[in-house]
Amino acid sequence: MVAHIETVAFQGVEARPVDVQVHIAGGVVGFAVVGLGDKAVAESRERVRAALSAIGLGLPAKRITVNLAPADMPKEGSHYDLPIALGLLVAMGVLPPQELERFVCIGELSL
């Protein structure tokens, strides 16, 4: 199953829609964020891992892929943390997907 969470990328004063897609699969254990993200987006992996751990949830020992679509639009900043974490919770079966369908999620996570 692929979880979808809606967020935005800021380009000047415009907010452009971004689909955060989270997929959990078997294979080599890893956590990859793809989709033309900057360093802050790449660091989301560690903030998300720590935040979930702080609430007593660990990441599954599987291959986690997060795609920020569209892939050709630059993504900057740490506001992708929350949509990535929510996508993981949906993909892990902790949250039902229909609970987040009506929302656009933006937010940085603390450790």
N, C-alpha and C. Protein backbone atom coordinates (compact mmCIF):
# COMPACT_ATOMS: atom_id res chain seq x y z
N MET A 1 0.83 -1.18 0.00
CA MET A 1 0.00 0.00 0.00
C MET A 1 0.88 1.25 0.00
N VAL A 2 0.46 2.24 -0.74
CA VAL A 2 1.15 3.52 -0.75
C VAL A 2 0.25 4.53 -0.05
N ALA A 3 0.78 5.19 0.96
CA ALA A 3 0.03 6.23 1.66
C ALA A 3 0.27 7.56 0.96
N HIS A 4 -0.77 8.38 0.86
CA HIS A 4 -0.68 9.69 0.22
C HIS A 4 -1.08 10.77 1.23
N ILE A 5 -0.21 11.75 1.40
CA ILE A 5 -0.49 12.90 2.26
C ILE A 5 -0.23 14.15 1.43
N GLU A 6 -1.14 15.09 1.48
CA GLU A 6 -0.98 16.32 0.71
C GLU A 6 -0.25 17.38 1.53
N THR A 7 0.67 18.08 0.88
CA THR A 7 1.38 19.20 1.48
C THR A 7 1.65 20.22 0.37
N VAL A 8 2.51 21.17 0.63
CA VAL A 8 2.82 22.18 -0.37
C VAL A 8 4.32 22.45 -0.40
N ALA A 9 4.78 22.95 -1.55
CA ALA A 9 6.13 23.48 -1.71
C ALA A 9 5.97 24.97 -1.93
N PHE A 10 6.78 25.76 -1.26
CA PHE A 10 6.70 27.20 -1.41
C PHE A 10 7.65 27.66 -2.50
N GLN A 11 7.13 28.39 -3.47
CA GLN A 11 7.94 28.99 -4.53
C GLN A 11 7.61 30.48 -4.52
N GLY A 12 8.47 31.23 -3.84
CA GLY A 12 8.18 32.64 -3.63
C GLY A 12 6.98 32.76 -2.70
N VAL A 13 5.95 33.46 -3.14
CA VAL A 13 4.74 33.60 -2.32
C VAL A 13 3.67 32.58 -2.70
N GLU A 14 3.97 31.72 -3.65
CA GLU A 14 3.02 30.70 -4.08
C GLU A 14 3.25 29.38 -3.35
N ALA A 15 2.14 28.71 -3.05
CA ALA A 15 2.19 27.37 -2.47
C ALA A 15 1.73 26.39 -3.54
N ARG A 16 2.61 25.51 -3.95
CA ARG A 16 2.31 24.53 -4.99
C ARG A 16 2.03 23.17 -4.35
N PRO A 17 1.02 22.45 -4.81
CA PRO A 17 0.69 21.16 -4.20
C PRO A 17 1.80 20.12 -4.39
N VAL A 18 2.01 19.36 -3.33
CA VAL A 18 2.98 18.26 -3.34
C VAL A 18 2.29 17.04 -2.73
N ASP A 19 2.43 15.90 -3.38
CA ASP A 19 1.90 14.63 -2.89
C ASP A 19 3.03 13.87 -2.23
N VAL A 20 2.92 13.65 -0.93
CA VAL A 20 3.91 12.86 -0.19
C VAL A 20 3.43 11.41 -0.24
N GLN A 21 4.19 10.57 -0.92
CA GLN A 21 3.84 9.17 -1.09
C GLN A 21 4.80 8.33 -0.25
N VAL A 22 4.25 7.49 0.61
CA VAL A 22 5.08 6.66 1.48
C VAL A 22 4.78 5.19 1.19
N HIS A 23 5.85 4.43 0.91
CA HIS A 23 5.73 3.01 0.61
C HIS A 23 6.65 2.23 1.53
N ILE A 24 6.11 1.18 2.13
CA ILE A 24 6.90 0.29 2.98
C ILE A 24 6.89 -1.08 2.32
N ALA A 25 8.08 -1.64 2.09
CA ALA A 25 8.18 -2.93 1.41
C ALA A 25 9.29 -3.76 2.03
N GLY A 26 9.29 -5.02 1.70
CA GLY A 26 10.37 -5.90 2.13
C GLY A 26 11.65 -5.57 1.39
N GLY A 27 12.70 -6.24 1.75
CA GLY A 27 13.98 -6.00 1.09
C GLY A 27 14.98 -5.43 2.07
N VAL A 28 16.00 -4.81 1.52
CA VAL A 28 17.07 -4.23 2.34
C VAL A 28 16.49 -3.09 3.18
N VAL A 29 16.77 -3.12 4.47
CA VAL A 29 16.26 -2.09 5.38
C VAL A 29 16.86 -0.74 5.01
N GLY A 30 16.01 0.27 4.89
CA GLY A 30 16.48 1.60 4.56
C GLY A 30 15.34 2.60 4.61
N PHE A 31 15.71 3.87 4.51
CA PHE A 31 14.73 4.95 4.54
C PHE A 31 15.22 5.99 3.55
N ALA A 32 14.58 6.07 2.39
CA ALA A 32 14.99 6.99 1.33
C ALA A 32 13.91 8.03 1.09
N VAL A 33 14.34 9.29 0.95
CA VAL A 33 13.44 10.37 0.57
C VAL A 33 13.89 10.86 -0.80
N VAL A 34 13.00 10.77 -1.79
CA VAL A 34 13.32 11.17 -3.16
C VAL A 34 12.35 12.25 -3.62
N GLY A 35 12.75 12.98 -4.65
CA GLY A 35 11.86 13.99 -5.21
C GLY A 35 12.42 15.39 -5.20
N LEU A 36 13.71 15.54 -5.39
CA LEU A 36 14.38 16.84 -5.51
C LEU A 36 14.29 17.67 -4.24
N GLY A 37 14.57 17.04 -3.11
CA GLY A 37 14.58 17.74 -1.83
C GLY A 37 15.95 18.27 -1.48
N ASP A 38 16.00 19.35 -0.70
CA ASP A 38 17.27 19.92 -0.27
C ASP A 38 17.78 19.18 0.99
N LYS A 39 18.82 19.70 1.60
CA LYS A 39 19.43 19.05 2.78
C LYS A 39 18.44 18.94 3.93
N ALA A 40 17.63 19.98 4.17
CA ALA A 40 16.65 19.94 5.26
C ALA A 40 15.62 18.83 5.03
N VAL A 41 15.24 18.61 3.79
CA VAL A 41 14.30 17.54 3.48
C VAL A 41 14.96 16.19 3.74
N ALA A 42 16.21 16.03 3.34
CA ALA A 42 16.93 14.77 3.57
C ALA A 42 17.07 14.49 5.06
N GLU A 43 17.24 15.53 5.85
CA GLU A 43 17.37 15.37 7.30
C GLU A 43 16.05 15.01 7.97
N SER A 44 14.95 15.11 7.25
CA SER A 44 13.64 14.74 7.79
C SER A 44 13.65 13.31 8.30
N ARG A 45 14.41 12.44 7.64
CA ARG A 45 14.47 11.04 8.07
C ARG A 45 14.78 10.94 9.55
N GLU A 46 15.79 11.66 10.00
CA GLU A 46 16.20 11.55 11.40
C GLU A 46 15.21 12.21 12.36
N ARG A 47 14.65 13.36 11.96
CA ARG A 47 13.64 14.01 12.83
C ARG A 47 12.40 13.15 12.95
N VAL A 48 11.96 12.56 11.85
CA VAL A 48 10.77 11.70 11.87
C VAL A 48 11.04 10.46 12.71
N ARG A 49 12.19 9.83 12.51
CA ARG A 49 12.55 8.63 13.29
C ARG A 49 12.55 8.94 14.79
N ALA A 50 13.16 10.05 15.17
CA ALA A 50 13.25 10.43 16.59
C ALA A 50 11.87 10.79 17.16
N ALA A 51 11.06 11.51 16.40
CA ALA A 51 9.74 11.91 16.88
C ALA A 51 8.84 10.69 17.09
N LEU A 52 8.87 9.75 16.15
CA LEU A 52 8.06 8.54 16.32
C LEU A 52 8.55 7.71 17.50
N SER A 53 9.85 7.65 17.67
CA SER A 53 10.42 6.93 18.81
C SER A 53 9.98 7.57 20.13
N ALA A 54 9.89 8.89 20.15
CA ALA A 54 9.49 9.61 21.37
C ALA A 54 8.06 9.29 21.79
N ILE A 55 7.22 8.88 20.84
CA ILE A 55 5.85 8.50 21.20
C ILE A 55 5.68 6.99 21.29
N GLY A 56 6.79 6.28 21.29
CA GLY A 56 6.77 4.83 21.50
C GLY A 56 6.58 4.00 20.25
N LEU A 57 6.77 4.59 19.08
CA LEU A 57 6.65 3.85 17.83
C LEU A 57 8.01 3.76 17.14
N GLY A 58 8.36 2.58 16.72
CA GLY A 58 9.59 2.40 15.96
C GLY A 58 9.27 2.19 14.50
N LEU A 59 10.20 2.50 13.65
CA LEU A 59 10.01 2.25 12.23
C LEU A 59 10.16 0.76 11.97
N PRO A 60 9.38 0.22 11.04
CA PRO A 60 9.54 -1.20 10.73
C PRO A 60 10.89 -1.47 10.09
N ALA A 61 11.40 -2.67 10.31
CA ALA A 61 12.68 -3.08 9.72
C ALA A 61 12.44 -3.50 8.28
N LYS A 62 12.05 -2.53 7.46
CA LYS A 62 11.74 -2.76 6.06
C LYS A 62 12.30 -1.62 5.23
N ARG A 63 12.07 -1.67 3.96
CA ARG A 63 12.50 -0.62 3.03
C ARG A 63 11.41 0.44 2.97
N ILE A 64 11.73 1.67 3.41
CA ILE A 64 10.79 2.78 3.40
C ILE A 64 11.23 3.75 2.30
N THR A 65 10.30 4.04 1.40
CA THR A 65 10.57 5.01 0.34
C THR A 65 9.53 6.11 0.44
N VAL A 66 10.01 7.35 0.49
CA VAL A 66 9.14 8.53 0.50
C VAL A 66 9.41 9.28 -0.79
N ASN A 67 8.36 9.48 -1.57
CA ASN A 67 8.47 10.22 -2.82
C ASN A 67 7.71 11.54 -2.66
N LEU A 68 8.38 12.65 -2.98
CA LEU A 68 7.75 13.96 -2.96
C LEU A 68 7.47 14.34 -4.40
N ALA A 69 6.20 14.24 -4.79
CA ALA A 69 5.83 14.45 -6.19
C ALA A 69 5.09 15.78 -6.37
N PRO A 70 5.38 16.49 -7.43
CA PRO A 70 6.14 16.10 -8.61
C PRO A 70 7.65 16.18 -8.37
N ALA A 71 8.36 15.25 -8.98
CA ALA A 71 9.79 15.11 -8.74
C ALA A 71 10.62 16.22 -9.36
N ASP A 72 10.07 16.95 -10.32
CA ASP A 72 10.87 17.98 -11.00
C ASP A 72 10.78 19.36 -10.33
N MET A 73 10.02 19.48 -9.25
CA MET A 73 9.89 20.75 -8.54
C MET A 73 10.76 20.72 -7.27
N PRO A 74 11.66 21.69 -7.09
CA PRO A 74 12.52 21.70 -5.90
C PRO A 74 11.70 21.80 -4.61
N LYS A 75 12.11 21.05 -3.59
CA LYS A 75 11.48 21.09 -2.27
C LYS A 75 12.52 21.56 -1.27
N GLU A 76 12.18 22.59 -0.51
CA GLU A 76 13.12 23.15 0.47
C GLU A 76 12.43 23.28 1.82
N GLY A 77 13.20 23.04 2.88
CA GLY A 77 12.70 23.30 4.22
C GLY A 77 12.33 22.05 5.00
N SER A 78 12.04 22.28 6.26
CA SER A 78 11.75 21.18 7.18
C SER A 78 10.25 20.96 7.38
N HIS A 79 9.41 21.70 6.66
CA HIS A 79 7.96 21.55 6.86
C HIS A 79 7.40 20.26 6.25
N TYR A 80 8.26 19.45 5.65
CA TYR A 80 7.83 18.14 5.13
C TYR A 80 7.85 17.06 6.21
N ASP A 81 8.41 17.35 7.38
CA ASP A 81 8.50 16.36 8.46
C ASP A 81 7.14 15.77 8.82
N LEU A 82 6.17 16.63 9.10
CA LEU A 82 4.86 16.16 9.54
C LEU A 82 4.16 15.33 8.47
N PRO A 83 4.09 15.78 7.22
CA PRO A 83 3.45 14.90 6.23
C PRO A 83 4.16 13.57 6.04
N ILE A 84 5.48 13.55 6.15
CA ILE A 84 6.21 12.28 6.04
C ILE A 84 5.84 11.37 7.22
N ALA A 85 5.83 11.91 8.42
CA ALA A 85 5.48 11.12 9.61
C ALA A 85 4.05 10.59 9.51
N LEU A 86 3.11 11.44 9.10
CA LEU A 86 1.73 11.00 8.96
C LEU A 86 1.60 9.92 7.88
N GLY A 87 2.34 10.08 6.79
CA GLY A 87 2.33 9.06 5.74
C GLY A 87 2.86 7.73 6.25
N LEU A 88 3.89 7.78 7.06
CA LEU A 88 4.42 6.55 7.68
C LEU A 88 3.38 5.91 8.59
N LEU A 89 2.70 6.72 9.39
CA LEU A 89 1.67 6.18 10.28
C LEU A 89 0.54 5.53 9.50
N VAL A 90 0.15 6.11 8.38
CA VAL A 90 -0.87 5.49 7.53
C VAL A 90 -0.34 4.20 6.92
N ALA A 91 0.86 4.23 6.37
CA ALA A 91 1.45 3.05 5.73
C ALA A 91 1.66 1.91 6.74
N MET A 92 1.91 2.26 7.99
CA MET A 92 2.11 1.26 9.04
C MET A 92 0.78 0.75 9.60
N GLY A 93 -0.34 1.37 9.21
CA GLY A 93 -1.64 0.94 9.70
C GLY A 93 -2.04 1.54 11.03
N VAL A 94 -1.28 2.51 11.51
CA VAL A 94 -1.59 3.16 12.79
C VAL A 94 -2.75 4.15 12.63
N LEU A 95 -2.77 4.87 11.51
CA LEU A 95 -3.85 5.81 11.20
C LEU A 95 -4.61 5.34 9.97
N PRO A 96 -5.94 5.49 9.97
CA PRO A 96 -6.69 5.15 8.76
C PRO A 96 -6.51 6.25 7.70
N PRO A 97 -6.33 5.87 6.44
CA PRO A 97 -6.04 6.86 5.39
C PRO A 97 -7.14 7.90 5.20
N GLN A 98 -8.39 7.52 5.40
CA GLN A 98 -9.48 8.46 5.18
C GLN A 98 -9.50 9.60 6.19
N GLU A 99 -8.81 9.46 7.30
CA GLU A 99 -8.76 10.53 8.30
C GLU A 99 -7.99 11.75 7.82
N LEU A 100 -7.11 11.58 6.85
CA LEU A 100 -6.24 12.68 6.40
C LEU A 100 -6.55 13.15 4.99
N GLU A 101 -7.55 12.58 4.33
CA GLU A 101 -7.84 12.91 2.94
C GLU A 101 -8.21 14.37 2.72
N ARG A 102 -8.83 15.01 3.70
CA ARG A 102 -9.33 16.38 3.52
C ARG A 102 -8.33 17.45 3.93
N PHE A 103 -7.14 17.05 4.34
CA PHE A 103 -6.20 18.00 4.92
C PHE A 103 -4.95 18.20 4.07
N VAL A 104 -4.38 19.39 4.18
CA VAL A 104 -3.04 19.69 3.69
C VAL A 104 -2.18 19.84 4.94
N CYS A 105 -1.13 19.05 5.04
CA CYS A 105 -0.33 19.01 6.27
C CYS A 105 1.03 19.68 6.06
N ILE A 106 1.39 20.52 7.01
CA ILE A 106 2.68 21.21 6.98
C ILE A 106 3.19 21.28 8.40
N GLY A 107 4.47 20.93 8.61
CA GLY A 107 5.01 21.09 9.95
C GLY A 107 6.35 20.43 10.14
N GLU A 108 7.17 21.08 10.95
CA GLU A 108 8.47 20.53 11.35
C GLU A 108 8.28 19.76 12.64
N LEU A 109 8.97 18.65 12.80
CA LEU A 109 8.90 17.87 14.03
C LEU A 109 10.11 18.14 14.89
N SER A 110 9.86 18.11 16.18
CA SER A 110 10.94 18.24 17.15
C SER A 110 11.31 16.84 17.62
N LEU A 111 12.49 16.71 18.20
CA LEU A 111 12.89 15.40 18.70
C LEU A 111 12.10 15.05 19.93
